[in-house]
Amino acid sequence: MPFRRNLLLLAVFAAPLATIPAQAQEDEGSEKRTRIILGPQLSPSWPGADKFSVGPYIDVSRTRDSEFEFEAPDESFGQPLVHTGNFAFGPALGFIGKRKASDIGADLPKVGFSIEAGGFAQVALTPSLRIRAEGRKGLSGHKGWVGEVSADYIAREGDDWLFSIGPRVTFGDSRYTRAYFGVTPEAAVASGLPAYDPDGGLQSVGVTAGYHRMLGRNWGFAVYGRYDRLVGDAADSPVTRELGSRGQPSAGVALSYTFGGGR
């Protein structure tokens, strides 16, 4: 989800970006092309927040084909380990910034910085329709399981321009949901909120749209927007109703640079 992209991603991508000059020299004599998308994005600071954080909107893609493979702008970080025909799967990595009592405005337990690791599987049913599913486990912070199922309609003219739009459905287990939306009896006394013990399950439904267009041989621009609506126990939580928001919008804008290959 969008709030998983934050400043730590700069560190994640620091190594690949630092090797750009060497890669550029290598690619000039090969068929491979590399595209880097980099810019700012605005997204909820944590699940259910009505506050926003600015972080990097980053993507790095490489290809030997005539066009880059489609990637949704809100995907978790990860590359396919296996790619057979129209099917692919591989690792997925996500992040959520920490939530402190001072951030949320009530004396609720801190949720530490969350690193999520898991996997994804995706299939292109047609050149214009892709289905993707992700599952990730919190290794720190909330320490629960989260998942997302998405579908994207894709319209494109090679790499000259690409537009995508499609629905999103997210899930969280009880440990994840209680970390962000629960209120224990002790926390109720300290915060003044009513006690609330949510279950896991469906967390939100939403939609994402993205657009990328080349402005010449090398430079281009990318924009995306996403809106999620919390549902179920997450939406009914007093944390959401009194301190946060059911609406979870996010957006990003970036420049792209493509180099290498014979084009």
Protein backbone atom coordinates (compact mmCIF):
# COMPACT_ATOMS: atom_id res chain seq x y z
CA MET A 1 0.00 0.00 0.00
CA PRO A 2 1.10 3.60 -0.50
CA PHE A 3 2.03 4.32 3.14
CA ARG A 4 4.62 1.56 2.89
CA ARG A 5 6.82 3.73 0.70
CA ASN A 6 8.91 6.09 2.81
CA LEU A 7 12.39 7.48 3.14
CA LEU A 8 13.93 4.09 3.90
CA LEU A 9 13.39 3.21 0.26
CA LEU A 10 16.11 5.71 -0.59
CA ALA A 11 18.52 3.48 1.27
CA VAL A 12 17.09 0.37 -0.41
CA PHE A 13 17.75 1.86 -3.83
CA ALA A 14 20.99 3.66 -2.97
CA ALA A 15 23.20 0.86 -4.22
CA PRO A 16 21.53 0.40 -7.63
CA LEU A 17 21.40 4.16 -8.20
CA ALA A 18 25.04 4.57 -7.26
CA THR A 19 26.03 2.17 -10.06
CA ILE A 20 24.16 4.03 -12.79
CA PRO A 21 27.31 5.37 -14.54
CA ALA A 22 28.85 1.90 -14.78
CA GLN A 23 25.57 0.37 -15.94
CA ALA A 24 25.16 3.08 -18.54
CA GLN A 25 28.58 2.30 -20.03
CA GLU A 26 27.75 -1.41 -20.08
CA ASP A 27 24.30 -0.95 -21.59
CA GLU A 28 25.52 1.30 -24.40
CA GLY A 29 27.06 -1.74 -26.01
CA SER A 30 24.24 -4.17 -25.26
CA GLU A 31 20.56 -4.64 -25.94
CA LYS A 32 19.52 -3.97 -22.35
CA ARG A 33 17.72 -0.78 -21.43
CA THR A 34 17.25 0.70 -17.97
CA ARG A 35 14.54 3.10 -16.82
CA ILE A 36 14.64 4.99 -13.52
CA ILE A 37 11.59 6.79 -12.16
CA LEU A 38 12.21 9.17 -9.27
CA GLY A 39 10.11 11.86 -7.60
CA PRO A 40 8.07 12.70 -4.47
CA GLN A 41 4.85 11.13 -3.28
CA LEU A 42 2.34 11.97 -0.57
CA SER A 43 0.70 9.16 1.40
CA PRO A 44 -0.90 8.45 4.82
CA SER A 45 1.70 8.33 7.58
CA TRP A 46 0.32 5.00 8.91
CA PRO A 47 -2.78 2.86 8.33
CA GLY A 48 -5.88 4.91 9.16
CA ALA A 49 -4.01 8.21 9.52
CA ASP A 50 -5.47 11.58 8.60
CA LYS A 51 -1.90 12.95 8.41
CA PHE A 52 0.39 12.58 5.42
CA SER A 53 4.09 12.02 4.85
CA VAL A 54 6.26 12.89 1.88
CA GLY A 55 8.50 10.11 0.62
CA PRO A 56 10.21 9.02 -2.58
CA TYR A 57 8.32 7.60 -5.55
CA ILE A 58 10.92 5.25 -7.06
CA ASP A 59 11.04 2.51 -9.67
CA VAL A 60 13.95 0.87 -11.52
CA SER A 61 13.19 -1.35 -14.53
CA ARG A 62 15.38 -3.21 -17.01
CA THR A 63 14.50 -5.03 -20.20
CA ARG A 64 15.94 -6.68 -23.30
CA ASP A 65 12.58 -6.60 -25.04
CA SER A 66 11.09 -3.91 -27.21
CA GLU A 67 9.13 -2.48 -24.27
CA PHE A 68 9.30 -2.45 -20.48
CA GLU A 69 7.06 -4.88 -18.61
CA PHE A 70 4.12 -3.24 -16.86
CA GLU A 71 4.53 -2.43 -13.17
CA ALA A 72 1.77 -0.76 -11.17
CA PRO A 73 2.94 2.44 -9.44
CA ASP A 74 1.81 1.23 -6.00
CA GLU A 75 3.43 -2.21 -6.05
CA SER A 76 5.63 -3.34 -3.20
CA PHE A 77 9.34 -3.54 -3.92
CA GLY A 78 10.37 -6.83 -5.56
CA GLN A 79 11.41 -8.50 -8.79
CA PRO A 80 10.21 -11.83 -10.25
CA LEU A 81 12.33 -14.87 -9.45
CA VAL A 82 10.40 -17.00 -11.92
CA HIS A 83 8.81 -15.69 -15.10
CA THR A 84 7.10 -18.31 -17.26
CA GLY A 85 4.93 -17.06 -20.07
CA ASN A 86 2.30 -14.77 -18.59
CA PHE A 87 2.90 -15.92 -15.00
CA ALA A 88 5.49 -14.59 -12.53
CA PHE A 89 6.22 -14.75 -8.83
CA GLY A 90 8.91 -13.48 -6.51
CA PRO A 91 9.68 -11.68 -3.24
CA ALA A 92 7.81 -8.60 -2.00
CA LEU A 93 9.07 -6.06 0.52
CA GLY A 94 7.06 -3.35 2.29
CA PHE A 95 7.55 -0.70 4.95
CA ILE A 96 5.31 1.26 7.34
CA GLY A 97 6.61 4.19 9.36
CA LYS A 98 6.37 4.09 13.16
CA ARG A 99 3.33 5.50 14.95
CA LYS A 100 3.88 7.22 18.29
CA ALA A 101 1.34 8.54 20.79
CA SER A 102 2.46 12.10 20.04
CA ASP A 103 1.88 11.50 16.32
CA ILE A 104 -1.67 10.25 16.68
CA GLY A 105 -2.70 12.66 19.45
CA ALA A 106 -3.72 10.10 22.09
CA ASP A 107 -1.96 7.94 24.66
CA LEU A 108 -2.00 4.75 22.59
CA PRO A 109 0.80 2.16 22.42
CA LYS A 110 3.60 2.86 19.97
CA VAL A 111 3.76 0.75 16.80
CA GLY A 112 7.39 0.56 15.73
CA PHE A 113 8.78 0.86 12.24
CA SER A 114 7.52 -2.16 10.30
CA ILE A 115 9.54 -4.11 7.77
CA GLU A 116 7.34 -6.57 5.85
CA ALA A 117 8.71 -9.46 3.81
CA GLY A 118 6.77 -11.96 1.71
CA GLY A 119 5.97 -12.77 -1.87
CA PHE A 120 3.76 -12.02 -4.85
CA ALA A 121 2.24 -13.90 -7.77
CA GLN A 122 0.82 -12.31 -10.89
CA VAL A 123 -0.66 -13.36 -14.20
CA ALA A 124 -1.38 -11.41 -17.37
CA LEU A 125 -4.74 -12.74 -18.52
CA THR A 126 -4.50 -10.60 -21.66
CA PRO A 127 -2.04 -7.89 -22.79
CA SER A 128 -4.49 -5.40 -21.24
CA LEU A 129 -5.37 -7.16 -17.96
CA ARG A 130 -3.09 -8.24 -15.12
CA ILE A 131 -4.05 -9.83 -11.78
CA ARG A 132 -1.66 -9.75 -8.81
CA ALA A 133 -1.71 -11.02 -5.22
CA GLU A 134 0.74 -10.23 -2.40
CA GLY A 135 1.25 -11.55 1.11
CA ARG A 136 3.78 -10.12 3.61
CA LYS A 137 4.71 -10.77 7.25
CA GLY A 138 5.75 -7.95 9.56
CA LEU A 139 9.26 -8.71 10.80
CA SER A 140 9.13 -5.71 13.15
CA GLY A 141 6.52 -3.19 14.22
CA HIS A 142 3.03 -4.69 13.89
CA LYS A 143 4.41 -8.25 13.29
CA GLY A 144 1.19 -9.35 11.63
CA TRP A 145 0.28 -10.60 8.16
CA VAL A 146 -0.99 -8.29 5.42
CA GLY A 147 -2.12 -8.96 1.87
CA GLU A 148 -3.43 -7.30 -1.24
CA VAL A 149 -5.23 -8.41 -4.37
CA SER A 150 -5.20 -6.08 -7.37
CA ALA A 151 -6.26 -5.97 -11.01
CA ASP A 152 -5.08 -3.50 -13.64
CA TYR A 153 -6.42 -2.55 -17.04
CA ILE A 154 -3.48 -1.43 -19.18
CA ALA A 155 -3.51 0.73 -22.30
CA ARG A 156 -0.23 1.60 -23.96
CA GLU A 157 1.62 2.51 -27.10
CA GLY A 158 4.89 0.69 -26.59
CA ASP A 159 7.01 2.72 -24.18
CA ASP A 160 5.79 6.05 -25.58
CA TRP A 161 2.89 6.19 -23.13
CA LEU A 162 1.11 3.87 -20.69
CA PHE A 163 -2.09 4.29 -18.69
CA SER A 164 -3.34 1.84 -16.05
CA ILE A 165 -6.29 1.72 -13.68
CA GLY A 166 -7.77 -0.92 -11.46
CA PRO A 167 -9.25 -1.96 -8.10
CA ARG A 168 -7.38 -2.82 -4.89
CA VAL A 169 -8.48 -4.95 -1.93
CA THR A 170 -6.30 -5.18 1.19
CA PHE A 171 -6.36 -7.56 4.14
CA GLY A 172 -4.77 -7.75 7.59
CA ASP A 173 -4.76 -10.46 10.25
CA SER A 174 -5.91 -9.82 13.82
CA ARG A 175 -2.41 -8.96 15.05
CA TYR A 176 -1.97 -6.30 12.37
CA THR A 177 -5.49 -4.90 12.85
CA ARG A 178 -5.18 -4.70 16.64
CA ALA A 179 -1.82 -2.92 16.38
CA TYR A 180 -3.27 0.00 14.41
CA PHE A 181 -6.99 -0.05 15.17
CA GLY A 182 -7.39 -1.79 18.53
CA VAL A 183 -7.73 -0.16 21.95
CA THR A 184 -6.89 -2.34 24.94
CA PRO A 185 -8.66 -1.69 28.29
CA GLU A 186 -5.41 -0.16 29.61
CA ALA A 187 -5.10 2.09 26.55
CA ALA A 188 -8.76 3.06 26.89
CA VAL A 189 -8.13 4.38 30.41
CA ALA A 190 -5.04 6.30 29.28
CA SER A 191 -6.46 7.70 26.03
CA GLY A 192 -10.14 8.23 26.85
CA LEU A 193 -11.18 6.14 23.84
CA PRO A 194 -13.57 3.20 24.27
CA ALA A 195 -11.95 -0.24 24.41
CA TYR A 196 -12.03 -1.98 21.04
CA ASP A 197 -10.88 -5.48 20.06
CA PRO A 198 -11.01 -5.83 16.26
CA ASP A 199 -10.63 -8.99 14.24
CA GLY A 200 -8.58 -9.46 11.10
CA GLY A 201 -9.97 -9.68 7.59
CA LEU A 202 -10.86 -7.23 4.88
CA GLN A 203 -9.30 -3.85 5.64
CA SER A 204 -9.90 -1.59 2.64
CA VAL A 205 -11.12 -1.33 -0.94
CA GLY A 206 -9.80 1.17 -3.41
CA VAL A 207 -8.57 2.08 -6.87
CA THR A 208 -5.24 3.11 -8.40
CA ALA A 209 -4.53 4.92 -11.66
CA GLY A 210 -1.13 5.64 -13.18
CA TYR A 211 0.25 7.32 -16.29
CA HIS A 212 3.74 7.42 -17.84
CA ARG A 213 4.73 9.32 -20.97
CA MET A 214 8.03 9.79 -22.74
CA LEU A 215 9.02 13.36 -23.59
CA GLY A 216 11.82 12.34 -25.92
CA ARG A 217 14.39 9.59 -26.36
CA ASN A 218 15.50 9.53 -22.72
CA TRP A 219 13.28 11.69 -20.50
CA GLY A 220 9.67 11.18 -19.46
CA PHE A 221 7.28 11.80 -16.58
CA ALA A 222 5.03 9.61 -14.41
CA VAL A 223 2.06 10.36 -12.17
CA TYR A 224 -0.23 8.18 -10.09
CA GLY A 225 -3.14 8.49 -7.71
CA ARG A 226 -4.66 5.99 -5.31
CA TYR A 227 -7.66 6.11 -3.01
CA ASP A 228 -8.50 3.48 -0.39
CA ARG A 229 -11.55 3.36 1.85
CA LEU A 230 -11.24 1.54 5.17
CA VAL A 231 -14.02 -0.99 5.79
CA GLY A 232 -15.03 -3.50 8.43
CA ASP A 233 -13.38 -3.42 11.85
CA ALA A 234 -10.70 -0.97 10.69
CA ALA A 235 -13.35 1.56 9.65
CA ASP A 236 -15.40 1.09 12.84
CA SER A 237 -12.44 1.56 15.18
CA PRO A 238 -12.55 4.60 17.51
CA VAL A 239 -8.95 5.22 16.45
CA THR A 240 -10.18 5.75 12.88
CA ARG A 241 -13.40 7.57 13.75
CA GLU A 242 -11.94 9.99 16.32
CA LEU A 243 -8.26 10.30 15.46
CA GLY A 244 -7.91 9.27 11.84
CA SER A 245 -9.84 8.92 8.60
CA ARG A 246 -11.55 6.17 6.63
CA GLY A 247 -10.39 7.82 3.42
CA GLN A 248 -6.76 7.04 2.53
CA PRO A 249 -5.61 8.98 -0.57
CA SER A 250 -2.10 9.08 -1.97
CA ALA A 251 -0.41 10.50 -5.07
CA GLY A 252 2.99 10.81 -6.68
CA VAL A 253 4.71 12.60 -9.56
CA ALA A 254 8.14 11.81 -10.98
CA LEU A 255 10.58 12.20 -13.84
CA SER A 256 11.85 9.14 -15.68
CA TYR A 257 15.16 8.59 -17.44
CA THR A 258 15.82 5.73 -19.88
CA PHE A 259 19.28 4.75 -21.10
CA GLY A 260 21.09 1.88 -22.77
CA GLY A 261 20.20 -0.34 -25.71
CA GLY A 262 20.19 0.59 -29.33
CA ARG A 263 17.09 2.75 -29.30
